[in-house]
Amino acid sequence: MTAGADYLKEQARNAAELRLRKAATFLSLNVKTPIFQKRMGKGATSVLVRLEWPGVVKVIDPDTGEILAVSVSSNPSLLRSDFVPTVPALAGKSHGGA
């Protein structure tokens, strides 16, 4: 391939990257609600599973709204490294009967 063809391909790729960045900004400004949300499980062990922009999965306690887990963007099965879940015993909360 000639240098001219390589240059044109590079310019087309740069234009596509710019369009994609603008589209991502547009989405982040306009997606105000979860993309998807559904209750998973039944009874006391159920949780809300929510997909938010930009591809972040959150697991939420439906009764308290507490966030139980947050994924890495676009990798729903990988816990975000800076997420620290609440430890009920350390927070002074008691879960369960009595």
PDB file of N, CA and C in Angstrom:
ATOM      1  N   MET A   1       0.848  -1.180   0.000  1.00  0.00           N
ATOM      2  CA  MET A   1       0.000   0.000   0.000  1.00  0.00           C
ATOM      3  C   MET A   1       0.890   1.238   0.000  1.00  0.00           C
ATOM      4  N   THR A   2       0.428   2.262  -0.637  1.00  0.00           N
ATOM      5  CA  THR A   2       1.234   3.481  -0.731  1.00  0.00           C
ATOM      6  C   THR A   2       1.103   4.319   0.532  1.00  0.00           C
ATOM      7  N   ALA A   3       2.055   5.208   0.706  1.00  0.00           N
ATOM      8  CA  ALA A   3       2.028   6.104   1.863  1.00  0.00           C
ATOM      9  C   ALA A   3       0.782   6.974   1.824  1.00  0.00           C
ATOM     10  N   GLY A   4       0.351   7.377   0.628  1.00  0.00           N
ATOM     11  CA  GLY A   4      -0.852   8.201   0.490  1.00  0.00           C
ATOM     12  C   GLY A   4      -2.094   7.462   0.961  1.00  0.00           C
ATOM     13  N   ALA A   5      -2.215   6.187   0.639  1.00  0.00           N
ATOM     14  CA  ALA A   5      -3.366   5.389   1.071  1.00  0.00           C
ATOM     15  C   ALA A   5      -3.338   5.188   2.584  1.00  0.00           C
ATOM     16  N   ASP A   6      -2.165   4.966   3.134  1.00  0.00           N
ATOM     17  CA  ASP A   6      -2.035   4.831   4.589  1.00  0.00           C
ATOM     18  C   ASP A   6      -2.452   6.118   5.287  1.00  0.00           C
ATOM     19  N   TYR A   7      -2.043   7.249   4.740  1.00  0.00           N
ATOM     20  CA  TYR A   7      -2.395   8.539   5.307  1.00  0.00           C
ATOM     21  C   TYR A   7      -3.915   8.731   5.293  1.00  0.00           C
ATOM     22  N   LEU A   8      -4.547   8.400   4.174  1.00  0.00           N
ATOM     23  CA  LEU A   8      -5.997   8.560   4.070  1.00  0.00           C
ATOM     24  C   LEU A   8      -6.735   7.649   5.050  1.00  0.00           C
ATOM     25  N   LYS A   9      -6.232   6.423   5.219  1.00  0.00           N
ATOM     26  CA  LYS A   9      -6.849   5.521   6.195  1.00  0.00           C
ATOM     27  C   LYS A   9      -6.696   6.062   7.609  1.00  0.00           C
ATOM     28  N   GLU A  10      -5.524   6.612   7.902  1.00  0.00           N
ATOM     29  CA  GLU A  10      -5.285   7.176   9.226  1.00  0.00           C
ATOM     30  C   GLU A  10      -6.222   8.364   9.481  1.00  0.00           C
ATOM     31  N   GLN A  11      -6.398   9.212   8.482  1.00  0.00           N
ATOM     32  CA  GLN A  11      -7.299  10.357   8.626  1.00  0.00           C
ATOM     33  C   GLN A  11      -8.748   9.908   8.812  1.00  0.00           C
ATOM     34  N   ALA A  12      -9.151   8.879   8.090  1.00  0.00           N
ATOM     35  CA  ALA A  12     -10.512   8.354   8.250  1.00  0.00           C
ATOM     36  C   ALA A  12     -10.698   7.778   9.651  1.00  0.00           C
ATOM     37  N   ARG A  13      -9.694   7.090  10.160  1.00  0.00           N
ATOM     38  CA  ARG A  13      -9.773   6.546  11.521  1.00  0.00           C
ATOM     39  C   ARG A  13      -9.833   7.669  12.554  1.00  0.00           C
ATOM     40  N   ASN A  14      -9.033   8.703  12.380  1.00  0.00           N
ATOM     41  CA  ASN A  14      -9.071   9.842  13.297  1.00  0.00           C
ATOM     42  C   ASN A  14     -10.449  10.493  13.300  1.00  0.00           C
ATOM     43  N   ALA A  15     -11.054  10.631  12.131  1.00  0.00           N
ATOM     44  CA  ALA A  15     -12.400  11.214  12.042  1.00  0.00           C
ATOM     45  C   ALA A  15     -13.421  10.324  12.748  1.00  0.00           C
ATOM     46  N   ALA A  16     -13.289   9.003  12.603  1.00  0.00           N
ATOM     47  CA  ALA A  16     -14.206   8.071  13.275  1.00  0.00           C
ATOM     48  C   ALA A  16     -14.039   8.156  14.787  1.00  0.00           C
ATOM     49  N   GLU A  17     -12.806   8.261  15.269  1.00  0.00           N
ATOM     50  CA  GLU A  17     -12.558   8.390  16.707  1.00  0.00           C
ATOM     51  C   GLU A  17     -13.169   9.682  17.246  1.00  0.00           C
ATOM     52  N   LEU A  18     -13.050  10.769  16.512  1.00  0.00           N
ATOM     53  CA  LEU A  18     -13.631  12.040  16.931  1.00  0.00           C
ATOM     54  C   LEU A  18     -15.159  11.935  16.990  1.00  0.00           C
ATOM     55  N   ARG A  19     -15.764  11.326  15.968  1.00  0.00           N
ATOM     56  CA  ARG A  19     -17.217  11.132  15.974  1.00  0.00           C
ATOM     57  C   ARG A  19     -17.652  10.312  17.180  1.00  0.00           C
ATOM     58  N   LEU A  20     -16.899   9.269  17.490  1.00  0.00           N
ATOM     59  CA  LEU A  20     -17.238   8.402  18.616  1.00  0.00           C
ATOM     60  C   LEU A  20     -17.114   9.153  19.939  1.00  0.00           C
ATOM     61  N   ARG A  21     -16.073   9.957  20.109  1.00  0.00           N
ATOM     62  CA  ARG A  21     -15.924  10.755  21.330  1.00  0.00           C
ATOM     63  C   ARG A  21     -17.086  11.733  21.485  1.00  0.00           C
ATOM     64  N   LYS A  22     -17.487  12.374  20.382  1.00  0.00           N
ATOM     65  CA  LYS A  22     -18.626  13.296  20.432  1.00  0.00           C
ATOM     66  C   LYS A  22     -19.914  12.552  20.769  1.00  0.00           C
ATOM     67  N   ALA A  23     -20.103  11.360  20.215  1.00  0.00           N
ATOM     68  CA  ALA A  23     -21.290  10.556  20.516  1.00  0.00           C
ATOM     69  C   ALA A  23     -21.306  10.140  21.982  1.00  0.00           C
ATOM     70  N   ALA A  24     -20.156   9.777  22.525  1.00  0.00           N
ATOM     71  CA  ALA A  24     -20.066   9.385  23.933  1.00  0.00           C
ATOM     72  C   ALA A  24     -20.403  10.571  24.835  1.00  0.00           C
ATOM     73  N   THR A  25     -19.920  11.751  24.492  1.00  0.00           N
ATOM     74  CA  THR A  25     -20.252  12.947  25.262  1.00  0.00           C
ATOM     75  C   THR A  25     -21.747  13.226  25.182  1.00  0.00           C
ATOM     76  N   PHE A  26     -22.312  13.117  23.995  1.00  0.00           N
ATOM     77  CA  PHE A  26     -23.743  13.317  23.801  1.00  0.00           C
ATOM     78  C   PHE A  26     -24.548  12.350  24.664  1.00  0.00           C
ATOM     79  N   LEU A  27     -24.156  11.086  24.674  1.00  0.00           N
ATOM     80  CA  LEU A  27     -24.849  10.096  25.499  1.00  0.00           C
ATOM     81  C   LEU A  27     -24.747  10.432  26.977  1.00  0.00           C
ATOM     82  N   SER A  28     -23.554  10.775  27.425  1.00  0.00           N
ATOM     83  CA  SER A  28     -23.379  11.051  28.852  1.00  0.00           C
ATOM     84  C   SER A  28     -24.205  12.250  29.293  1.00  0.00           C
ATOM     85  N   LEU A  29     -24.461  13.187  28.402  1.00  0.00           N
ATOM     86  CA  LEU A  29     -25.277  14.349  28.735  1.00  0.00           C
ATOM     87  C   LEU A  29     -26.775  14.051  28.688  1.00  0.00           C
ATOM     88  N   ASN A  30     -27.158  13.029  27.942  1.00  0.00           N
ATOM     89  CA  ASN A  30     -28.584  12.779  27.707  1.00  0.00           C
ATOM     90  C   ASN A  30     -29.151  11.536  28.368  1.00  0.00           C
ATOM     91  N   VAL A  31     -28.322  10.607  28.797  1.00  0.00           N
ATOM     92  CA  VAL A  31     -28.826   9.416  29.476  1.00  0.00           C
ATOM     93  C   VAL A  31     -28.941   9.767  30.955  1.00  0.00           C
ATOM     94  N   LYS A  32     -30.161  10.011  31.395  1.00  0.00           N
ATOM     95  CA  LYS A  32     -30.381  10.457  32.771  1.00  0.00           C
ATOM     96  C   LYS A  32     -30.892   9.348  33.683  1.00  0.00           C
ATOM     97  N   THR A  33     -31.416   8.304  33.137  1.00  0.00           N
ATOM     98  CA  THR A  33     -31.960   7.206  33.936  1.00  0.00           C
ATOM     99  C   THR A  33     -31.175   5.942  33.620  1.00  0.00           C
ATOM    100  N   PRO A  34     -31.338   4.913  34.448  1.00  0.00           N
ATOM    101  CA  PRO A  34     -30.648   3.659  34.112  1.00  0.00           C
ATOM    102  C   PRO A  34     -31.065   3.163  32.737  1.00  0.00           C
ATOM    103  N   ILE A  35     -30.141   2.574  32.043  1.00  0.00           N
ATOM    104  CA  ILE A  35     -30.433   1.982  30.742  1.00  0.00           C
ATOM    105  C   ILE A  35     -31.305   0.744  30.940  1.00  0.00           C
ATOM    106  N   PHE A  36     -31.059   0.039  32.028  1.00  0.00           N
ATOM    107  CA  PHE A  36     -31.797  -1.183  32.355  1.00  0.00           C
ATOM    108  C   PHE A  36     -31.821  -1.319  33.863  1.00  0.00           C
ATOM    109  N   GLN A  37     -32.947  -1.767  34.401  1.00  0.00           N
ATOM    110  CA  GLN A  37     -33.025  -2.064  35.829  1.00  0.00           C
ATOM    111  C   GLN A  37     -34.071  -3.151  36.031  1.00  0.00           C
ATOM    112  N   LYS A  38     -33.700  -4.148  36.806  1.00  0.00           N
ATOM    113  CA  LYS A  38     -34.632  -5.231  37.087  1.00  0.00           C
ATOM    114  C   LYS A  38     -34.273  -5.877  38.421  1.00  0.00           C
ATOM    115  N   ARG A  39     -35.296  -6.340  39.098  1.00  0.00           N
ATOM    116  CA  ARG A  39     -35.092  -7.038  40.370  1.00  0.00           C
ATOM    117  C   ARG A  39     -34.589  -8.451  40.061  1.00  0.00           C
ATOM    118  N   MET A  40     -33.555  -8.880  40.793  1.00  0.00           N
ATOM    119  CA  MET A  40     -33.004 -10.219  40.630  1.00  0.00           C
ATOM    120  C   MET A  40     -33.212 -10.964  41.943  1.00  0.00           C
ATOM    121  N   GLY A  41     -33.812 -12.123  41.874  1.00  0.00           N
ATOM    122  CA  GLY A  41     -34.062 -12.925  43.056  1.00  0.00           C
ATOM    123  C   GLY A  41     -35.427 -12.636  43.644  1.00  0.00           C
ATOM    124  N   LYS A  42     -35.723 -13.336  44.733  1.00  0.00           N
ATOM    125  CA  LYS A  42     -37.024 -13.188  45.395  1.00  0.00           C
ATOM    126  C   LYS A  42     -36.831 -13.030  46.887  1.00  0.00           C
ATOM    127  N   GLY A  43     -37.787 -12.368  47.502  1.00  0.00           N
ATOM    128  CA  GLY A  43     -37.779 -12.250  48.955  1.00  0.00           C
ATOM    129  C   GLY A  43     -36.657 -11.393  49.481  1.00  0.00           C
ATOM    130  N   ALA A  44     -36.189 -11.770  50.684  1.00  0.00           N
ATOM    131  CA  ALA A  44     -35.197 -10.970  51.405  1.00  0.00           C
ATOM    132  C   ALA A  44     -33.835 -10.938  50.719  1.00  0.00           C
ATOM    133  N   THR A  45     -33.561 -11.890  49.839  1.00  0.00           N
ATOM    134  CA  THR A  45     -32.254 -11.920  49.184  1.00  0.00           C
ATOM    135  C   THR A  45     -32.257 -11.217  47.832  1.00  0.00           C
ATOM    136  N   SER A  46     -33.393 -10.654  47.427  1.00  0.00           N
ATOM    137  CA  SER A  46     -33.444 -10.011  46.116  1.00  0.00           C
ATOM    138  C   SER A  46     -32.642  -8.710  46.118  1.00  0.00           C
ATOM    139  N   VAL A  47     -32.164  -8.344  44.937  1.00  0.00           N
ATOM    140  CA  VAL A  47     -31.412  -7.108  44.732  1.00  0.00           C
ATOM    141  C   VAL A  47     -31.881  -6.474  43.428  1.00  0.00           C
ATOM    142  N   LEU A  48     -31.605  -5.190  43.268  1.00  0.00           N
ATOM    143  CA  LEU A  48     -31.829  -4.529  41.992  1.00  0.00           C
ATOM    144  C   LEU A  48     -30.528  -4.570  41.210  1.00  0.00           C
ATOM    145  N   VAL A  49     -30.622  -4.913  39.950  1.00  0.00           N
ATOM    146  CA  VAL A  49     -29.460  -4.885  39.066  1.00  0.00           C
ATOM    147  C   VAL A  49     -29.714  -3.760  38.078  1.00  0.00           C
ATOM    148  N   ARG A  50     -28.788  -2.831  38.025  1.00  0.00           N
ATOM    149  CA  ARG A  50     -28.974  -1.642  37.201  1.00  0.00           C
ATOM    150  C   ARG A  50     -27.785  -1.461  36.270  1.00  0.00           C
ATOM    151  N   LEU A  51     -28.057  -1.195  34.997  1.00  0.00           N
ATOM    152  CA  LEU A  51     -27.024  -0.861  34.021  1.00  0.00           C
ATOM    153  C   LEU A  51     -27.109   0.634  33.764  1.00  0.00           C
ATOM    154  N   GLU A  52     -26.019   1.328  34.035  1.00  0.00           N
ATOM    155  CA  GLU A  52     -25.970   2.773  33.865  1.00  0.00           C
ATOM    156  C   GLU A  52     -24.904   3.135  32.848  1.00  0.00           C
ATOM    157  N   TRP A  53     -25.009   4.340  32.331  1.00  0.00           N
ATOM    158  CA  TRP A  53     -23.993   4.853  31.417  1.00  0.00           C
ATOM    159  C   TRP A  53     -22.717   5.085  32.203  1.00  0.00           C
ATOM    160  N   PRO A  54     -21.553   4.749  31.768  1.00  0.00           N
ATOM    161  CA  PRO A  54     -21.152   4.144  30.504  1.00  0.00           C
ATOM    162  C   PRO A  54     -20.876   2.648  30.640  1.00  0.00           C
ATOM    163  N   GLY A  55     -21.890   1.856  30.780  1.00  0.00           N
ATOM    164  CA  GLY A  55     -21.729   0.407  30.883  1.00  0.00           C
ATOM    165  C   GLY A  55     -21.343  -0.060  32.266  1.00  0.00           C
ATOM    166  N   VAL A  56     -21.783   0.645  33.298  1.00  0.00           N
ATOM    167  CA  VAL A  56     -21.491   0.280  34.682  1.00  0.00           C
ATOM    168  C   VAL A  56     -22.678  -0.491  35.246  1.00  0.00           C
ATOM    169  N   VAL A  57     -22.397  -1.631  35.867  1.00  0.00           N
ATOM    170  CA  VAL A  57     -23.439  -2.414  36.525  1.00  0.00           C
ATOM    171  C   VAL A  57     -23.382  -2.129  38.015  1.00  0.00           C
ATOM    172  N   LYS A  58     -24.552  -1.834  38.596  1.00  0.00           N
ATOM    173  CA  LYS A  58     -24.647  -1.634  40.041  1.00  0.00           C
ATOM    174  C   LYS A  58     -25.620  -2.654  40.599  1.00  0.00           C
ATOM    175  N   VAL A  59     -25.277  -3.194  41.761  1.00  0.00           N
ATOM    176  CA  VAL A  59     -26.171  -4.092  42.503  1.00  0.00           C
ATOM    177  C   VAL A  59     -26.602  -3.300  43.731  1.00  0.00           C
ATOM    178  N   ILE A  60     -27.928  -3.185  43.919  1.00  0.00           N
ATOM    179  CA  ILE A  60     -28.471  -2.278  44.923  1.00  0.00           C
ATOM    180  C   ILE A  60     -29.464  -3.015  45.808  1.00  0.00           C
ATOM    181  N   ASP A  61     -29.415  -2.730  47.094  1.00  0.00           N
ATOM    182  CA  ASP A  61     -30.415  -3.255  48.029  1.00  0.00           C
ATOM    183  C   ASP A  61     -31.720  -2.522  47.747  1.00  0.00           C
ATOM    184  N   PRO A  62     -32.790  -3.247  47.377  1.00  0.00           N
ATOM    185  CA  PRO A  62     -34.030  -2.574  47.006  1.00  0.00           C
ATOM    186  C   PRO A  62     -34.736  -1.893  48.184  1.00  0.00           C
ATOM    187  N   ASP A  63     -34.452  -2.320  49.401  1.00  0.00           N
ATOM    188  CA  ASP A  63     -35.103  -1.732  50.573  1.00  0.00           C
ATOM    189  C   ASP A  63     -34.408  -0.464  51.056  1.00  0.00           C
ATOM    190  N   THR A  64     -33.090  -0.467  51.044  1.00  0.00           N
ATOM    191  CA  THR A  64     -32.341   0.660  51.604  1.00  0.00           C
ATOM    192  C   THR A  64     -31.725   1.574  50.548  1.00  0.00           C
ATOM    193  N   GLY A  65     -31.578   1.065  49.328  1.00  0.00           N
ATOM    194  CA  GLY A  65     -30.908   1.829  48.289  1.00  0.00           C
ATOM    195  C   GLY A  65     -29.395   1.747  48.369  1.00  0.00           C
ATOM    196  N   GLU A  66     -28.892   0.979  49.332  1.00  0.00           N
ATOM    197  CA  GLU A  66     -27.445   0.829  49.498  1.00  0.00           C
ATOM    198  C   GLU A  66     -26.847   0.127  48.281  1.00  0.00           C
ATOM    199  N   ILE A  67     -25.729   0.653  47.812  1.00  0.00           N
ATOM    200  CA  ILE A  67     -25.030   0.041  46.682  1.00  0.00           C
ATOM    201  C   ILE A  67     -24.165  -1.086  47.230  1.00  0.00           C
ATOM    202  N   LEU A  68     -24.438  -2.300  46.738  1.00  0.00           N
ATOM    203  CA  LEU A  68     -23.749  -3.492  47.221  1.00  0.00           C
ATOM    204  C   LEU A  68     -22.531  -3.860  46.383  1.00  0.00           C
ATOM    205  N   ALA A  69     -22.533  -3.449  45.121  1.00  0.00           N
ATOM    206  CA  ALA A  69     -21.408  -3.727  44.221  1.00  0.00           C
ATOM    207  C   ALA A  69     -21.493  -2.787  43.023  1.00  0.00           C
ATOM    208  N   VAL A  70     -20.326  -2.431  42.480  1.00  0.00           N
ATOM    209  CA  VAL A  70     -20.243  -1.581  41.292  1.00  0.00           C
ATOM    210  C   VAL A  70     -19.168  -2.165  40.383  1.00  0.00           C
ATOM    211  N   SER A  71     -19.510  -2.320  39.115  1.00  0.00           N
ATOM    212  CA  SER A  71     -18.551  -2.909  38.179  1.00  0.00           C
ATOM    213  C   SER A  71     -17.655  -1.861  37.546  1.00  0.00           C
ATOM    214  N   VAL A  72     -16.624  -2.366  36.921  1.00  0.00           N
ATOM    215  CA  VAL A  72     -15.778  -1.566  36.049  1.00  0.00           C
ATOM    216  C   VAL A  72     -16.626  -1.234  34.820  1.00  0.00           C
ATOM    217  N   SER A  73     -16.439  -0.072  34.259  1.00  0.00           N
ATOM    218  CA  SER A  73     -17.173   0.315  33.055  1.00  0.00           C
ATOM    219  C   SER A  73     -16.939  -0.699  31.941  1.00  0.00           C
ATOM    220  N   SER A  74     -18.019  -1.170  31.360  1.00  0.00           N
ATOM    221  CA  SER A  74     -18.011  -2.122  30.240  1.00  0.00           C
ATOM    222  C   SER A  74     -17.459  -3.495  30.595  1.00  0.00           C
ATOM    223  N   ASN A  75     -17.330  -3.809  31.883  1.00  0.00           N
ATOM    224  CA  ASN A  75     -16.935  -5.148  32.302  1.00  0.00           C
ATOM    225  C   ASN A  75     -17.796  -5.523  33.509  1.00  0.00           C
ATOM    226  N   PRO A  76     -19.018  -6.027  33.258  1.00  0.00           N
ATOM    227  CA  PRO A  76     -19.990  -6.220  34.325  1.00  0.00           C
ATOM    228  C   PRO A  76     -19.607  -7.226  35.402  1.00  0.00           C
ATOM    229  N   SER A  77     -18.652  -8.093  35.145  1.00  0.00           N
ATOM    230  CA  SER A  77     -18.304  -9.102  36.147  1.00  0.00           C
ATOM    231  C   SER A  77     -17.055  -8.747  36.947  1.00  0.00           C
ATOM    232  N   LEU A  78     -16.487  -7.559  36.700  1.00  0.00           N
ATOM    233  CA  LEU A  78     -15.273  -7.149  37.408  1.00  0.00           C
ATOM    234  C   LEU A  78     -15.605  -6.000  38.357  1.00  0.00           C
ATOM    235  N   LEU A  79     -15.396  -6.219  39.662  1.00  0.00           N
ATOM    236  CA  LEU A  79     -15.667  -5.210  40.683  1.00  0.00           C
ATOM    237  C   LEU A  79     -14.701  -4.043  40.528  1.00  0.00           C
ATOM    238  N   ARG A  80     -15.251  -2.829  40.585  1.00  0.00           N
ATOM    239  CA  ARG A  80     -14.412  -1.636  40.483  1.00  0.00           C
ATOM    240  C   ARG A  80     -13.409  -1.624  41.634  1.00  0.00           C
ATOM    241  N   SER A  81     -12.162  -1.340  41.358  1.00  0.00           N
ATOM    242  CA  SER A  81     -11.092  -1.467  42.353  1.00  0.00           C
ATOM    243  C   SER A  81     -11.250  -0.518  43.533  1.00  0.00           C
ATOM    244  N   ASP A  82     -11.881   0.626  43.338  1.00  0.00           N
ATOM    245  CA  ASP A  82     -12.024   1.574  44.437  1.00  0.00           C
ATOM    246  C   ASP A  82     -13.339   1.412  45.203  1.00  0.00           C
ATOM    247  N   PHE A  83     -14.147   0.387  44.859  1.00  0.00           N
ATOM    248  CA  PHE A  83     -15.410   0.179  45.564  1.00  0.00           C
ATOM    249  C   PHE A  83     -15.154  -0.514  46.894  1.00  0.00           C
ATOM    250  N   VAL A  84     -15.692   0.067  47.963  1.00  0.00           N
ATOM    251  CA  VAL A  84     -15.571  -0.518  49.298  1.00  0.00           C
ATOM    252  C   VAL A  84     -16.986  -0.756  49.818  1.00  0.00           C
ATOM    253  N   PRO A  85     -17.415  -2.016  49.894  1.00  0.00           N
ATOM    254  CA  PRO A  85     -18.773  -2.296  50.377  1.00  0.00           C
ATOM    255  C   PRO A  85     -18.889  -2.039  51.872  1.00  0.00           C
ATOM    256  N   THR A  86     -20.109  -1.749  52.297  1.00  0.00           N
ATOM    257  CA  THR A  86     -20.384  -1.574  53.710  1.00  0.00           C
ATOM    258  C   THR A  86     -20.268  -2.922  54.408  1.00  0.00           C
ATOM    259  N   VAL A  87     -19.609  -2.956  55.537  1.00  0.00           N
ATOM    260  CA  VAL A  87     -19.519  -4.158  56.357  1.00  0.00           C
ATOM    261  C   VAL A  87     -20.480  -3.946  57.522  1.00  0.00           C
ATOM    262  N   PRO A  88     -21.645  -4.647  57.525  1.00  0.00           N
ATOM    263  CA  PRO A  88     -22.665  -4.391  58.547  1.00  0.00           C
ATOM    264  C   PRO A  88     -22.125  -4.430  59.975  1.00  0.00           C
ATOM    265  N   ALA A  89     -21.256  -5.361  60.295  1.00  0.00           N
ATOM    266  CA  ALA A  89     -20.739  -5.478  61.665  1.00  0.00           C
ATOM    267  C   ALA A  89     -19.898  -4.260  62.052  1.00  0.00           C
ATOM    268  N   LEU A  90     -19.233  -3.642  61.077  1.00  0.00           N
ATOM    269  CA  LEU A  90     -18.411  -2.481  61.366  1.00  0.00           C
ATOM    270  C   LEU A  90     -19.218  -1.189  61.338  1.00  0.00           C
ATOM    271  N   ALA A  91     -20.384  -1.235  60.673  1.00  0.00           N
ATOM    272  CA  ALA A  91     -21.215  -0.032  60.570  1.00  0.00           C
ATOM    273  C   ALA A  91     -22.236   0.056  61.688  1.00  0.00           C
ATOM    274  N   GLY A  92     -22.258  -0.959  62.570  1.00  0.00           N
ATOM    275  CA  GLY A  92     -23.203  -0.944  63.671  1.00  0.00           C
ATOM    276  C   GLY A  92     -24.587  -1.367  63.284  1.00  0.00           C
ATOM    277  N   LYS A  93     -24.712  -2.015  62.129  1.00  0.00           N
ATOM    278  CA  LYS A  93     -26.007  -2.477  61.664  1.00  0.00           C
ATOM    279  C   LYS A  93     -26.160  -3.948  62.012  1.00  0.00           C
ATOM    280  N   SER A  94     -27.363  -4.348  62.269  1.00  0.00           N
ATOM    281  CA  SER A  94     -27.612  -5.765  62.459  1.00  0.00           C
ATOM    282  C   SER A  94     -28.579  -6.233  61.391  1.00  0.00           C
ATOM    283  N   HIS A  95     -28.200  -7.280  60.700  1.00  0.00           N
ATOM    284  CA  HIS A  95     -29.046  -7.879  59.666  1.00  0.00           C
ATOM    285  C   HIS A  95     -29.496  -9.229  60.178  1.00  0.00           C
ATOM    286  N   GLY A  96     -30.730  -9.529  59.900  1.00  0.00           N
ATOM    287  CA  GLY A  96     -31.225 -10.842  60.307  1.00  0.00           C
ATOM    288  C   GLY A  96     -32.205 -10.699  61.459  1.00  0.00           C
ATOM    289  N   GLY A  97     -32.690 -11.831  61.928  1.00  0.00           N
ATOM    290  CA  GLY A  97     -33.758 -11.842  62.927  1.00  0.00           C
ATOM    291  C   GLY A  97     -33.299 -11.540  64.335  1.00  0.00           C
ATOM    292  N   ALA A  98     -34.239 -11.351  65.221  1.00  0.00           N
ATOM    293  CA  ALA A  98     -34.116 -11.145  66.663  1.00  0.00           C
ATOM    294  C   ALA A  98     -34.950 -10.001  67.079  1.00  0.00           C
TER     295      ALA A  98
END
